[in-house]
Each structure stands twice: as structure tokens, then as C-alpha cells.
Protein backbone atom coordinates (compact mmCIF):
# COMPACT_ATOMS: atom_id res chain seq x y z
CA MET A 1 13.68 61.01 59.01
CA MET A 2 17.22 59.21 57.65
CA ARG A 3 18.86 61.50 60.36
CA ARG A 4 16.34 60.28 62.96
CA LEU A 5 17.39 56.76 62.26
CA ARG A 6 20.92 57.32 62.06
CA THR A 7 21.27 59.20 65.30
CA ALA A 8 18.66 56.56 67.09
CA GLY A 9 21.04 53.46 65.30
CA LEU A 10 24.14 55.48 66.33
CA CYS A 11 22.47 55.60 70.48
CA ALA A 12 21.64 52.07 70.05
CA LEU A 13 25.24 50.95 69.46
CA THR A 14 26.59 53.45 71.80
CA ILE A 15 24.41 51.60 74.61
CA ALA A 16 25.57 47.99 73.28
CA ALA A 17 29.07 48.87 73.48
CA THR A 18 28.69 50.33 76.76
CA GLY A 19 27.14 47.51 78.12
CA VAL A 20 29.06 44.97 76.42
CA LEU A 21 32.34 47.01 78.27
CA MET A 22 30.17 47.49 81.68
CA SER A 23 30.32 43.75 81.38
CA ALA A 24 33.22 42.80 80.63
CA GLN A 25 34.53 44.96 83.78
CA ALA A 26 32.21 43.13 85.67
CA LYS A 27 32.22 39.67 84.67
CA PRO A 28 31.50 37.12 87.44
CA ALA A 29 33.86 34.15 88.61
CA ALA A 30 32.89 31.25 86.32
CA VAL A 31 30.43 29.05 87.63
CA PRO A 32 31.59 25.60 88.17
CA MET A 33 29.62 23.05 86.61
CA LYS A 34 26.77 21.14 88.24
CA THR A 35 25.16 17.95 87.99
CA ALA A 36 21.99 17.02 87.06
CA TRP A 37 20.84 17.10 90.78
CA GLY A 38 22.48 20.48 91.32
CA GLU A 39 25.64 19.24 93.06
CA PRO A 40 29.28 20.23 91.94
CA ASP A 41 30.49 18.41 89.33
CA LEU A 42 33.81 16.42 90.00
CA THR A 43 33.61 13.76 87.15
CA GLY A 44 35.84 12.86 84.87
CA THR A 45 39.45 11.49 84.87
CA TRP A 46 41.95 13.50 86.11
CA THR A 47 45.81 13.06 86.75
CA ASN A 48 48.31 15.02 89.49
CA GLU A 49 51.83 14.23 88.22
CA THR A 50 54.37 17.14 89.06
CA ILE A 51 57.80 17.48 89.14
CA THR A 52 57.08 20.03 92.60
CA PRO A 53 58.57 17.63 95.83
CA PHE A 54 56.67 17.12 98.54
CA GLU A 55 58.21 19.11 101.03
CA ARG A 56 60.68 21.83 100.39
CA PRO A 57 64.21 21.25 99.85
CA VAL A 58 66.35 22.70 102.65
CA SER A 59 68.14 24.37 100.05
CA MET A 60 65.21 26.45 99.34
CA GLY A 61 65.30 27.64 102.66
CA ASP A 62 61.89 29.74 103.69
CA LYS A 63 61.59 30.44 100.02
CA ALA A 64 57.77 29.30 99.70
CA PHE A 65 57.35 30.44 95.90
CA LEU A 66 59.85 29.94 92.82
CA THR A 67 59.73 32.89 90.16
CA GLU A 68 58.40 32.44 86.98
CA ASP A 69 61.48 31.41 85.33
CA GLU A 70 63.03 29.48 88.06
CA ALA A 71 60.01 27.32 87.19
CA LYS A 72 61.07 27.47 83.94
CA ALA A 73 64.60 26.61 84.75
CA ILE A 74 63.86 23.43 87.08
CA GLU A 75 61.69 22.31 84.54
CA ALA A 76 64.32 22.50 81.42
CA ARG A 77 67.35 20.89 83.99
CA ALA A 78 64.54 17.84 84.79
CA ALA A 79 63.32 17.41 80.74
CA VAL A 80 67.86 17.26 80.38
CA GLN A 81 67.53 14.35 83.44
CA ARG A 82 65.23 12.39 81.77
CA ASP A 83 66.66 12.39 78.13
CA ASN A 84 70.15 11.23 79.32
CA SER A 85 68.88 8.83 82.00
CA ASP A 86 70.85 5.96 81.98
CA ASP A 87 69.77 3.14 83.76
CA GLY A 88 73.20 1.24 83.86
CA PRO A 89 73.89 -2.12 85.46
CA PRO A 90 72.43 -2.98 88.76
CA ARG A 91 73.86 -2.90 92.02
CA ALA A 92 75.15 -5.71 93.56
CA GLY A 93 72.44 -7.37 94.72
CA ASP A 94 70.13 -4.98 93.33
CA VAL A 95 68.15 -6.98 90.25
CA GLY A 96 67.30 -3.26 88.79
CA ASN A 97 63.93 -1.00 88.13
CA TYR A 98 61.90 0.42 85.99
CA ASN A 99 63.83 2.19 83.17
CA GLN A 100 62.18 5.80 82.04
CA PHE A 101 60.48 4.44 79.46
CA TRP A 102 57.39 3.02 81.84
CA MET A 103 57.92 5.89 84.29
CA ASP A 104 55.51 9.46 84.45
CA SER A 105 56.71 11.48 87.20
CA GLY A 106 55.45 14.59 85.30
CA THR A 107 57.18 17.55 83.18
CA LYS A 108 55.52 20.53 85.63
CA VAL A 109 56.12 22.31 89.22
CA VAL A 110 52.61 22.72 89.97
CA GLY A 111 50.67 26.06 88.85
CA THR A 112 51.22 27.98 91.84
CA ARG A 113 54.96 27.56 91.69
CA ARG A 114 55.27 26.75 95.68
CA THR A 115 58.37 25.15 96.65
CA SER A 116 56.59 22.22 97.98
CA LEU A 117 53.02 20.62 97.83
CA VAL A 118 53.18 20.47 101.70
CA ILE A 119 52.17 24.44 102.50
CA ASP A 120 51.37 24.12 106.23
CA PRO A 121 53.77 24.33 108.55
CA PRO A 122 55.14 27.44 106.10
CA ASP A 123 58.16 25.72 106.19
CA GLY A 124 57.49 23.46 103.50
CA ARG A 125 58.32 20.31 105.99
CA VAL A 126 55.86 17.60 107.80
CA PRO A 127 56.60 17.82 111.55
CA LEU A 128 57.60 14.24 112.16
CA ARG A 129 57.97 13.10 115.40
CA ARG A 130 61.10 11.23 116.46
CA GLU A 131 59.14 8.67 117.62
CA ALA A 132 57.79 7.84 114.18
CA GLU A 133 60.78 8.07 112.13
CA ALA A 134 62.78 5.71 113.96
CA ARG A 135 59.81 3.50 113.52
CA ARG A 136 60.03 3.98 109.59
CA ASP A 137 63.58 2.89 109.58
CA GLU A 138 63.37 0.30 112.08
CA TYR A 139 60.78 -1.27 109.38
CA ALA A 140 62.93 -0.52 106.40
CA LYS A 141 65.54 -2.67 107.78
CA GLN A 142 63.66 -5.76 108.80
CA GLU A 143 61.67 -5.58 105.45
CA ASN A 144 63.60 -8.77 104.19
CA ASP A 145 62.38 -10.09 107.91
CA ASP A 146 58.36 -10.59 107.77
CA TYR A 147 56.01 -9.29 105.34
CA ASN A 148 54.18 -7.18 108.48
CA PHE A 149 57.49 -4.94 107.76
CA ILE A 150 56.88 -4.35 104.00
CA SER A 151 54.85 -1.12 101.92
CA PRO A 152 51.17 -1.89 102.33
CA TRP A 153 51.78 -0.36 98.83
CA ASP A 154 54.37 -3.39 97.96
CA ARG A 155 51.69 -5.86 99.31
CA CYS A 156 49.06 -4.80 96.98
CA ILE A 157 46.83 -3.87 100.12
CA THR A 158 46.39 0.17 99.65
CA ARG A 159 48.33 3.30 98.84
CA GLY A 160 46.74 5.06 101.71
CA VAL A 161 44.24 7.29 102.41
CA PRO A 162 45.17 10.09 101.79
CA GLY A 163 49.16 8.65 100.19
CA GLY A 164 46.82 7.20 97.24
CA PHE A 165 46.44 11.05 96.58
CA PHE A 166 50.63 11.54 96.61
CA PRO A 167 51.83 11.43 93.36
CA ALA A 168 54.61 8.66 92.26
CA GLY A 169 56.44 8.05 89.31
CA TYR A 170 53.69 6.44 87.32
CA ASN A 171 49.90 5.74 86.98
CA ASN A 172 48.86 9.10 88.51
CA ALA A 173 44.82 8.54 87.65
CA TYR A 174 41.96 9.17 88.94
CA GLN A 175 38.28 8.82 87.72
CA ILE A 176 35.68 10.19 89.32
CA VAL A 177 31.80 9.45 89.23
CA GLN A 178 29.20 10.82 90.84
CA THR A 179 25.64 9.79 91.89
CA PRO A 180 23.10 11.58 94.10
CA GLY A 181 24.38 10.68 97.18
CA TYR A 182 27.73 9.48 96.55
CA VAL A 183 31.71 10.47 94.80
CA VAL A 184 33.18 7.48 93.55
CA ILE A 185 36.92 7.27 93.41
CA HIS A 186 39.11 5.42 90.95
CA TYR A 187 42.43 5.10 91.47
CA GLU A 188 44.91 3.87 88.56
CA MET A 189 46.78 2.60 91.13
CA ILE A 190 46.28 -1.21 92.98
CA HIS A 191 42.61 -0.40 90.51
CA MET A 192 41.19 0.62 94.16
CA ALA A 193 37.23 2.06 94.21
CA ARG A 194 36.49 4.27 97.10
CA VAL A 195 33.04 4.92 98.11
CA ILE A 196 32.26 7.83 99.90
CA PRO A 197 28.98 8.86 100.87
CA THR A 198 27.96 12.77 100.67
CA ASP A 199 25.20 13.14 103.12
CA ASN A 200 27.22 13.87 106.26
CA ARG A 201 26.46 11.10 107.92
CA LYS A 202 27.61 9.97 111.41
CA HIS A 203 30.84 7.76 111.63
CA LEU A 204 30.45 4.19 112.02
CA PRO A 205 31.35 2.61 115.91
CA SER A 206 34.97 3.41 116.65
CA ASP A 207 35.53 -0.09 116.72
CA VAL A 208 34.95 -0.68 113.41
CA ARG A 209 38.43 -0.14 111.93
CA PHE A 210 39.61 -0.06 108.01
CA TRP A 211 43.29 0.13 106.58
CA ASP A 212 41.69 3.38 104.70
CA GLY A 213 39.68 4.50 107.34
CA ASP A 214 35.77 5.39 107.27
CA SER A 215 35.38 8.30 104.61
CA VAL A 216 32.43 10.36 105.50
CA GLY A 217 31.79 13.57 103.00
CA ARG A 218 29.54 16.66 103.04
CA TRP A 219 28.86 19.68 100.32
CA ASP A 220 29.97 22.92 101.85
CA GLY A 221 29.47 25.31 98.65
CA ASN A 222 31.49 24.22 95.74
CA THR A 223 33.48 21.71 97.94
CA LEU A 224 33.16 18.23 98.64
CA VAL A 225 34.70 18.10 102.53
CA VAL A 226 35.34 14.34 103.16
CA ASP A 227 36.23 13.27 107.13
CA ILE A 228 37.93 10.25 107.95
CA THR A 229 38.82 8.49 110.97
CA ASN A 230 38.37 5.17 112.00
CA TYR A 231 42.01 3.66 110.90
CA ASN A 232 43.21 0.46 112.11
CA GLY A 233 46.77 2.27 112.85
CA ARG A 234 48.54 -0.46 110.64
CA GLY A 235 49.60 1.83 107.21
CA TRP A 236 51.85 4.09 106.37
CA ILE A 237 50.91 7.88 105.55
CA ALA A 238 52.88 7.40 102.14
CA THR A 239 54.24 4.57 100.18
CA ASN A 240 56.06 5.85 96.88
CA ALA A 241 59.64 7.03 96.75
CA SER A 242 58.21 10.77 95.74
CA SER A 243 57.25 11.40 99.53
CA GLY A 244 61.08 11.46 100.51
CA ARG A 245 61.23 11.67 104.37
CA VAL A 246 57.85 10.71 104.71
CA LYS A 247 57.54 7.05 103.21
CA GLY A 248 57.13 4.30 105.79
CA ILE A 249 56.29 6.82 108.52
CA PRO A 250 53.22 4.55 110.01
CA GLN A 251 49.77 5.76 110.50
CA SER A 252 48.07 5.31 114.07
CA ASP A 253 44.75 4.61 114.94
CA ALA A 254 44.47 8.22 116.33
CA LEU A 255 44.81 9.37 112.74
CA HIS A 256 42.05 11.96 111.18
CA VAL A 257 42.35 13.53 108.01
CA VAL A 258 40.09 15.90 106.68
CA GLU A 259 40.09 16.21 102.63
CA ARG A 260 38.65 19.29 100.20
CA PHE A 261 38.08 18.33 96.45
CA THR A 262 37.26 22.16 94.85
CA ARG A 263 36.48 22.47 91.42
CA ARG A 264 37.95 25.64 90.29
CA ASP A 265 37.66 25.58 86.42
CA ASP A 266 37.01 23.15 83.85
CA ALA A 267 40.29 22.01 83.78
CA THR A 268 41.47 21.97 87.59
CA ILE A 269 40.31 20.54 90.87
CA GLU A 270 42.46 21.69 93.74
CA TYR A 271 42.66 18.44 96.06
CA GLN A 272 44.09 20.11 99.63
CA VAL A 273 44.25 17.35 102.65
CA THR A 274 45.08 18.22 106.53
CA ILE A 275 46.29 15.57 108.38
CA ASP A 276 46.42 15.24 112.10
CA ASP A 277 48.01 12.24 114.04
CA PRO A 278 49.44 13.09 116.85
CA LYS A 279 51.45 9.76 117.77
CA ASN A 280 53.37 10.43 114.82
CA TYR A 281 53.74 14.45 113.88
CA THR A 282 53.63 17.40 116.46
CA ARG A 283 51.06 19.28 114.88
CA PRO A 284 48.61 18.95 111.77
CA TRP A 285 50.00 19.46 108.51
CA THR A 286 48.71 19.99 105.18
CA VAL A 287 49.35 19.07 101.70
CA GLN A 288 47.99 20.89 98.10
CA ILE A 289 47.66 18.98 94.59
CA PRO A 290 46.24 19.94 91.82
CA LEU A 291 44.24 17.27 89.90
CA THR A 292 44.45 18.27 86.43
CA ARG A 293 41.91 17.22 83.89
CA ASP A 294 42.43 14.44 80.61
CA ASP A 295 39.83 13.33 78.88
CA SER A 296 42.43 11.18 76.31
CA TYR A 297 43.82 9.73 79.64
CA ARG A 298 42.70 5.71 79.29
CA ILE A 299 43.09 3.50 83.11
CA TYR A 300 43.78 0.09 82.11
CA GLU A 301 43.92 -2.79 84.78
CA TYR A 302 46.07 -2.46 87.91
CA ALA A 303 46.65 -6.25 88.37
CA CYS A 304 48.82 -6.21 91.61
CA HIS A 305 48.78 -9.57 92.01
CA GLU A 306 48.89 -10.94 88.97
CA GLY A 307 51.87 -13.20 88.92
CA ASN A 308 53.83 -11.28 91.54
CA HIS A 309 56.16 -13.77 93.36
CA ALA A 310 57.49 -10.54 94.68
CA ILE A 311 56.85 -11.12 98.62
CA GLU A 312 57.68 -14.22 98.57
CA HIS A 313 61.26 -13.79 96.96
CA MET A 314 61.59 -10.81 98.84
CA LEU A 315 61.68 -13.06 101.88
CA ARG A 316 63.92 -16.19 100.50
CA GLY A 317 66.53 -13.43 100.05
CA GLY A 318 66.44 -12.52 103.60
CA ARG A 319 66.35 -15.49 104.40
CA ALA A 320 69.67 -17.05 102.48
CA GLN A 321 71.02 -13.96 103.55
CA ASP A 322 70.57 -15.20 107.64
CA ALA A 323 71.74 -18.65 106.35
CA GLU A 324 75.23 -16.97 104.36
CA SER A 325 75.79 -14.58 107.62
CA THR A 326 75.78 -17.67 109.75
CA LYS A 327 78.60 -20.03 107.73
């Protein structure tokens, strides 16, 4: 009897071990968390700072991905540059800028080690039309002449959609809140709250237009797809210096944007956006940015116009330069 029990126990142990091994070998993909009403859960506070450039540097040629050693070397160089940064005296006529204490532009390249946040076209470069670049340059020359030529970010209007998701030098946080039928994205920068219906409703009539367009969302499996039209053509596609030559490129009233938010795991949302504006680009282009969950991050008020005299002073400075040039 004892031998039989021992044998039975050994068989049971063998079956259990085999089951564990088979389970480990056939482990299913992680199932994204769901809300109480059954939709993929995007809630939380997320950040997107990174030292990966917006466009692929020309020096990288056709190199789409870094090796692990190359990524570590770039991160190490960036750390040395931050530690040794010296703000120094301002240039003539320049009141200076924030020092490094206030900056939070990231310490890591994106997890996939891509050489740019732009993933399409394959060369990692935005397919700009010459006319768009010319208008960008004209606006830059006239920014002290008229507030209409100044960035809508500096004017505390908006960083734009999708530009508000392009990493900047600081304040790269987003709080996402969900209710049945809606997703709300609270942007740290400019303190904007964007309300997105998720019932795939029709867009507003084409004569109703906004700085940030009309966002309509729907669920495609585990991905929130947001279709955006009805732009008023007065904004910029990107407003921060980290966007390089894309900063200041205008949005037209023909702009069509499609965003995709996919919860990859407990700590990551993959944000992907495709931009189609035939008046400014020769073809659509796509950016992909990981959003990393950070429950310790606290978003404080971004009081953009609180005591802000920047625009007034810029224009006063421009008029002073005009007066000086006529002497």
C-alpha cells in the first residue's frame, strides 16, 4: 500500500511538473487591463521624455536602429553634457534661458533603440514641402513684428494636436482619465484637458473649426484610435525646439491626423500618430513615442498667463529695434 501511494504521488508530481513546463512554454501574451466597463484601461500618469531625436540625424544615414552599445554610449555622453553644462553669460540682446536645473528632457533613448521618433518615411525624415519651410522661416523673421507670427505655445493657446505629445525640454507628463464613452487627456504643458468621445460619432460640420481640430475616437481591439479633422489652419505642427526643423511648420485647414494609443503592458502605452497635410508635406508621415507610467509624478498647475508679459515685451523690443534702425 505504501509503495502504491508513493507511486501515485510520484505520478501526480510528474503530471504537475509537466503541466507547469507546458504552461511556461505556451504562456499567452499579457492581457491588457480593463476598466470596470470592459474597455482597455489607459488611465494613469504617463511621461514621454527621451533623448532620441525627433528626426533621424543626417549623419546616421540609413541606420534605423542603434546597437545596445551605441545606445549606452549616447546616453553616457548625454549625461556628461548635462553634468558639465555651463549656462554662461547671455548673448548680446539675449535675456538668457532656463538653466539645467529646470530641464527634464530625458536620459534614455526609446526602448526600441530607433534613431528617430519618426518611423515613416523609412529615412526617419519629415517630407516637408519647400513652401512650408519658407513660411516657417518667414514667421521666424517676423516674430517681433506681430503676435500672429509668434508660436501659439508662447501665446499660451496650445502646443497643438498632435504637437502636444512631442517630447519637450520639460513638463512631459500626461494624465489620462476614462469614463464610459470618453477618454480625457490632461496635458501638463499649458494645462490643457482634451475630451475625446469614443463612440465613433460623426465629425462636426466642416465649417466648425478649432485650433486642435475635432477629435473622434473608437476602440479597435486594445487600441484607442482617434481621428482628427476640422483644424482652423492657424496652429503649428510642432512648437518646441526638440522637434528641430519641424518647429514652426504651419498646420493647414486640410490637416488630417490619426492617433493610436495601445496599452502594451502595465508600464507602457505606445503612442503612434500619422499626419496627413498635403499643403505642407509631400506624403503622410508617422511618429511613434512610448509613454511610460509614472505614479510618483505630480502634475502641478501650469499657469501660462500668470504674470506673463513675454509677448508684450517681445513686441516692445521689436519696436525699439525699429526705432533704432531709423536713426
